[in-house]
Amino acid sequence: MVQKKYFKSRDYCKVKFTLNVENAETVEILGLNSDWENSIIMSKKKDGTFSCDVTIPKNTQHQFKYLVNESSWLNDPDADGLLPNEFGGTNSVIIL
């Protein structure tokens, strides 16, 4: 799930990413702000979901993917869209 919180007097948006994946021990987000090397580590909650808050500039578009257990790549079903990637798959897209 992707939840966006806009601030009238700020030039950024606070985005909360939440993902529920069975048997996941770790979940990371890669690609935000075109950074595919430095991941954002999501925190595991007591109910088994993973979440994190990220501040992203307004009026921008970003591709991203979740990396689960350092081996499986997943898209977000609640993303604003999907775009093809260079590996023959797709990336999730968030538009702010």
N, C-alpha and C. Protein backbone atom coordinates (compact mmCIF):
# COMPACT_ATOMS: atom_id res chain seq x y z
N MET A 1 0.84 -1.16 0.00
CA MET A 1 0.00 0.00 0.00
C MET A 1 0.89 1.24 0.00
N VAL A 2 0.47 2.23 -0.73
CA VAL A 2 1.19 3.50 -0.80
C VAL A 2 0.23 4.60 -0.36
N GLN A 3 0.58 5.30 0.72
CA GLN A 3 -0.24 6.40 1.22
C GLN A 3 0.56 7.69 1.10
N LYS A 4 -0.05 8.71 0.48
CA LYS A 4 0.63 9.98 0.27
C LYS A 4 0.02 11.05 1.17
N LYS A 5 0.89 11.83 1.80
CA LYS A 5 0.43 12.94 2.64
C LYS A 5 1.11 14.21 2.13
N TYR A 6 0.31 15.09 1.52
CA TYR A 6 0.84 16.34 0.98
C TYR A 6 0.75 17.45 2.02
N PHE A 7 1.70 18.37 1.97
CA PHE A 7 1.72 19.54 2.84
C PHE A 7 1.62 20.77 1.97
N LYS A 8 0.66 21.66 2.25
CA LYS A 8 0.44 22.84 1.42
C LYS A 8 1.66 23.76 1.38
N SER A 9 2.33 23.90 2.49
CA SER A 9 3.44 24.85 2.56
C SER A 9 4.81 24.22 2.32
N ARG A 10 4.85 22.96 1.89
CA ARG A 10 6.12 22.26 1.68
C ARG A 10 6.23 21.81 0.22
N ASP A 11 7.46 21.63 -0.23
CA ASP A 11 7.68 21.19 -1.61
C ASP A 11 7.95 19.69 -1.68
N TYR A 12 7.50 18.96 -0.66
CA TYR A 12 7.66 17.51 -0.64
C TYR A 12 6.39 16.83 -0.16
N CYS A 13 6.35 15.54 -0.33
CA CYS A 13 5.24 14.71 0.09
C CYS A 13 5.79 13.60 0.98
N LYS A 14 5.10 13.29 2.04
CA LYS A 14 5.49 12.17 2.90
C LYS A 14 4.72 10.94 2.41
N VAL A 15 5.46 9.90 2.05
CA VAL A 15 4.86 8.69 1.50
C VAL A 15 5.11 7.53 2.44
N LYS A 16 4.03 6.84 2.80
CA LYS A 16 4.16 5.65 3.65
C LYS A 16 3.97 4.42 2.77
N PHE A 17 5.00 3.59 2.74
CA PHE A 17 4.97 2.33 2.00
C PHE A 17 4.69 1.21 2.99
N THR A 18 3.74 0.35 2.67
CA THR A 18 3.40 -0.80 3.52
C THR A 18 3.27 -2.02 2.62
N LEU A 19 3.89 -3.12 3.05
CA LEU A 19 3.84 -4.35 2.26
C LEU A 19 3.67 -5.54 3.19
N ASN A 20 2.79 -6.46 2.81
CA ASN A 20 2.58 -7.69 3.56
C ASN A 20 2.97 -8.86 2.67
N VAL A 21 4.05 -9.54 3.02
CA VAL A 21 4.56 -10.66 2.23
C VAL A 21 4.76 -11.85 3.16
N GLU A 22 4.18 -12.99 2.79
CA GLU A 22 4.35 -14.19 3.61
C GLU A 22 5.81 -14.63 3.63
N ASN A 23 6.25 -15.10 4.78
CA ASN A 23 7.60 -15.65 4.98
C ASN A 23 8.72 -14.65 4.70
N ALA A 24 8.43 -13.38 4.79
CA ALA A 24 9.47 -12.38 4.57
C ALA A 24 10.21 -12.09 5.88
N GLU A 25 11.51 -12.05 5.79
CA GLU A 25 12.34 -11.66 6.93
C GLU A 25 12.85 -10.24 6.77
N THR A 26 13.13 -9.85 5.51
CA THR A 26 13.57 -8.47 5.23
C THR A 26 12.89 -7.96 3.97
N VAL A 27 12.61 -6.66 3.96
CA VAL A 27 12.08 -5.99 2.78
C VAL A 27 12.78 -4.65 2.65
N GLU A 28 13.24 -4.36 1.43
CA GLU A 28 13.91 -3.10 1.13
C GLU A 28 13.24 -2.48 -0.09
N ILE A 29 13.31 -1.15 -0.19
CA ILE A 29 12.83 -0.45 -1.38
C ILE A 29 14.06 0.06 -2.12
N LEU A 30 14.08 -0.18 -3.43
CA LEU A 30 15.15 0.34 -4.26
C LEU A 30 14.56 1.12 -5.43
N GLY A 31 15.31 2.09 -5.91
CA GLY A 31 14.92 2.84 -7.09
C GLY A 31 14.40 4.23 -6.84
N LEU A 32 13.89 4.50 -5.64
CA LEU A 32 13.37 5.85 -5.38
C LEU A 32 14.48 6.87 -5.59
N ASN A 33 14.14 7.98 -6.19
CA ASN A 33 15.12 9.03 -6.52
C ASN A 33 16.24 8.48 -7.40
N SER A 34 15.91 7.49 -8.24
CA SER A 34 16.86 6.87 -9.18
C SER A 34 18.03 6.20 -8.49
N ASP A 35 17.86 5.78 -7.24
CA ASP A 35 18.93 5.15 -6.49
C ASP A 35 18.66 3.65 -6.39
N TRP A 36 19.29 2.88 -7.27
CA TRP A 36 19.11 1.43 -7.30
C TRP A 36 20.21 0.71 -6.53
N GLU A 37 21.10 1.45 -5.87
CA GLU A 37 22.19 0.83 -5.13
C GLU A 37 22.01 0.94 -3.62
N ASN A 38 21.45 2.04 -3.15
CA ASN A 38 21.26 2.26 -1.72
C ASN A 38 19.78 2.05 -1.38
N SER A 39 19.51 0.99 -0.66
CA SER A 39 18.12 0.65 -0.36
C SER A 39 17.60 1.40 0.86
N ILE A 40 16.28 1.43 0.95
CA ILE A 40 15.58 1.93 2.13
C ILE A 40 15.05 0.70 2.84
N ILE A 41 15.51 0.46 4.06
CA ILE A 41 15.11 -0.72 4.82
C ILE A 41 13.74 -0.47 5.44
N MET A 42 12.83 -1.41 5.23
CA MET A 42 11.50 -1.29 5.82
C MET A 42 11.49 -2.02 7.16
N SER A 43 10.72 -1.49 8.10
CA SER A 43 10.63 -2.07 9.45
C SER A 43 9.52 -3.12 9.50
N LYS A 44 9.82 -4.23 10.16
CA LYS A 44 8.82 -5.28 10.32
C LYS A 44 7.99 -4.98 11.56
N LYS A 45 6.66 -5.00 11.39
CA LYS A 45 5.73 -4.74 12.48
C LYS A 45 5.30 -6.05 13.14
N LYS A 46 4.65 -5.94 14.28
CA LYS A 46 4.21 -7.13 15.02
C LYS A 46 3.23 -7.98 14.22
N ASP A 47 2.44 -7.35 13.34
CA ASP A 47 1.46 -8.10 12.55
C ASP A 47 2.08 -8.75 11.31
N GLY A 48 3.40 -8.59 11.13
CA GLY A 48 4.10 -9.21 10.01
C GLY A 48 4.25 -8.34 8.79
N THR A 49 3.61 -7.18 8.78
CA THR A 49 3.76 -6.27 7.65
C THR A 49 5.06 -5.47 7.78
N PHE A 50 5.51 -4.93 6.67
CA PHE A 50 6.69 -4.08 6.65
C PHE A 50 6.25 -2.69 6.23
N SER A 51 6.88 -1.65 6.81
CA SER A 51 6.52 -0.29 6.42
C SER A 51 7.69 0.66 6.62
N CYS A 52 7.59 1.80 5.94
CA CYS A 52 8.54 2.89 6.13
C CYS A 52 7.93 4.17 5.57
N ASP A 53 8.42 5.30 6.07
CA ASP A 53 8.01 6.61 5.59
C ASP A 53 9.18 7.23 4.84
N VAL A 54 8.88 7.80 3.68
CA VAL A 54 9.91 8.41 2.85
C VAL A 54 9.42 9.79 2.41
N THR A 55 10.30 10.78 2.47
CA THR A 55 9.99 12.12 1.99
C THR A 55 10.47 12.23 0.55
N ILE A 56 9.54 12.59 -0.35
CA ILE A 56 9.84 12.65 -1.78
C ILE A 56 9.38 14.00 -2.32
N PRO A 57 10.18 14.65 -3.18
CA PRO A 57 9.77 15.95 -3.73
C PRO A 57 8.45 15.87 -4.50
N LYS A 58 7.64 16.93 -4.39
CA LYS A 58 6.39 17.02 -5.15
C LYS A 58 6.70 17.18 -6.63
N ASN A 59 5.69 16.90 -7.44
CA ASN A 59 5.76 17.06 -8.90
C ASN A 59 6.88 16.23 -9.51
N THR A 60 7.07 15.02 -8.98
CA THR A 60 8.09 14.11 -9.51
C THR A 60 7.47 12.74 -9.74
N GLN A 61 8.19 11.91 -10.48
CA GLN A 61 7.77 10.54 -10.75
C GLN A 61 8.97 9.64 -10.48
N HIS A 62 8.74 8.51 -9.82
CA HIS A 62 9.84 7.63 -9.44
C HIS A 62 9.47 6.17 -9.69
N GLN A 63 10.45 5.41 -10.18
CA GLN A 63 10.28 3.97 -10.32
C GLN A 63 10.89 3.32 -9.08
N PHE A 64 10.31 2.19 -8.67
CA PHE A 64 10.85 1.47 -7.51
C PHE A 64 10.40 0.03 -7.54
N LYS A 65 11.08 -0.79 -6.73
CA LYS A 65 10.71 -2.18 -6.51
C LYS A 65 11.05 -2.54 -5.07
N TYR A 66 10.37 -3.56 -4.58
CA TYR A 66 10.69 -4.12 -3.27
C TYR A 66 11.63 -5.30 -3.48
N LEU A 67 12.63 -5.41 -2.61
CA LEU A 67 13.52 -6.57 -2.60
C LEU A 67 13.24 -7.34 -1.31
N VAL A 68 12.71 -8.55 -1.45
CA VAL A 68 12.30 -9.35 -0.30
C VAL A 68 13.33 -10.44 -0.05
N ASN A 69 13.78 -10.52 1.20
CA ASN A 69 14.75 -11.53 1.63
C ASN A 69 16.01 -11.52 0.76
N GLU A 70 16.36 -10.35 0.26
CA GLU A 70 17.57 -10.15 -0.56
C GLU A 70 17.60 -11.00 -1.82
N SER A 71 16.42 -11.52 -2.25
CA SER A 71 16.44 -12.39 -3.43
C SER A 71 15.24 -12.22 -4.37
N SER A 72 14.10 -11.81 -3.88
CA SER A 72 12.89 -11.73 -4.71
C SER A 72 12.48 -10.27 -4.93
N TRP A 73 12.27 -9.91 -6.20
CA TRP A 73 11.83 -8.56 -6.55
C TRP A 73 10.32 -8.53 -6.71
N LEU A 74 9.65 -7.57 -6.06
CA LEU A 74 8.20 -7.44 -6.16
C LEU A 74 7.82 -6.01 -6.52
N ASN A 75 6.74 -5.89 -7.29
CA ASN A 75 6.14 -4.59 -7.54
C ASN A 75 5.07 -4.34 -6.49
N ASP A 76 4.67 -3.08 -6.35
CA ASP A 76 3.61 -2.72 -5.42
C ASP A 76 2.28 -2.73 -6.17
N PRO A 77 1.33 -3.56 -5.74
CA PRO A 77 0.04 -3.61 -6.44
C PRO A 77 -0.74 -2.30 -6.34
N ASP A 78 -0.40 -1.44 -5.39
CA ASP A 78 -1.10 -0.16 -5.22
C ASP A 78 -0.33 1.02 -5.81
N ALA A 79 0.72 0.74 -6.58
CA ALA A 79 1.49 1.82 -7.21
C ALA A 79 0.62 2.55 -8.22
N ASP A 80 1.07 3.74 -8.62
CA ASP A 80 0.32 4.54 -9.59
C ASP A 80 0.39 3.95 -11.00
N GLY A 81 1.34 3.06 -11.23
CA GLY A 81 1.47 2.44 -12.53
C GLY A 81 2.69 1.54 -12.59
N LEU A 82 2.93 0.99 -13.77
CA LEU A 82 4.09 0.13 -14.01
C LEU A 82 4.77 0.60 -15.29
N LEU A 83 6.09 0.52 -15.33
CA LEU A 83 6.86 0.83 -16.52
C LEU A 83 7.81 -0.31 -16.80
N PRO A 84 8.04 -0.60 -18.09
CA PRO A 84 8.99 -1.67 -18.41
C PRO A 84 10.40 -1.31 -17.96
N ASN A 85 11.17 -2.32 -17.55
CA ASN A 85 12.56 -2.08 -17.18
C ASN A 85 13.50 -2.79 -18.14
N GLU A 86 14.76 -2.57 -17.98
CA GLU A 86 15.77 -3.11 -18.91
C GLU A 86 15.98 -4.61 -18.78
N PHE A 87 15.34 -5.23 -17.79
CA PHE A 87 15.52 -6.67 -17.57
C PHE A 87 14.36 -7.49 -18.11
N GLY A 88 13.45 -6.85 -18.85
CA GLY A 88 12.31 -7.54 -19.43
C GLY A 88 11.12 -7.63 -18.50
N GLY A 89 11.20 -7.01 -17.34
CA GLY A 89 10.09 -6.99 -16.39
C GLY A 89 9.51 -5.59 -16.29
N THR A 90 8.93 -5.29 -15.15
CA THR A 90 8.35 -3.96 -14.91
C THR A 90 8.79 -3.43 -13.55
N ASN A 91 8.73 -2.12 -13.40
CA ASN A 91 8.95 -1.44 -12.14
C ASN A 91 7.69 -0.73 -11.72
N SER A 92 7.45 -0.64 -10.43
CA SER A 92 6.34 0.17 -9.91
C SER A 92 6.68 1.64 -10.11
N VAL A 93 5.63 2.46 -10.26
CA VAL A 93 5.81 3.90 -10.44
C VAL A 93 4.96 4.63 -9.43
N ILE A 94 5.54 5.65 -8.81
CA ILE A 94 4.79 6.55 -7.94
C ILE A 94 4.88 7.95 -8.54
N ILE A 95 3.73 8.62 -8.63
CA ILE A 95 3.65 9.97 -9.19
C ILE A 95 3.17 10.90 -8.10
N LEU A 96 3.94 11.96 -7.87
CA LEU A 96 3.60 12.92 -6.81
C LEU A 96 3.33 14.29 -7.41
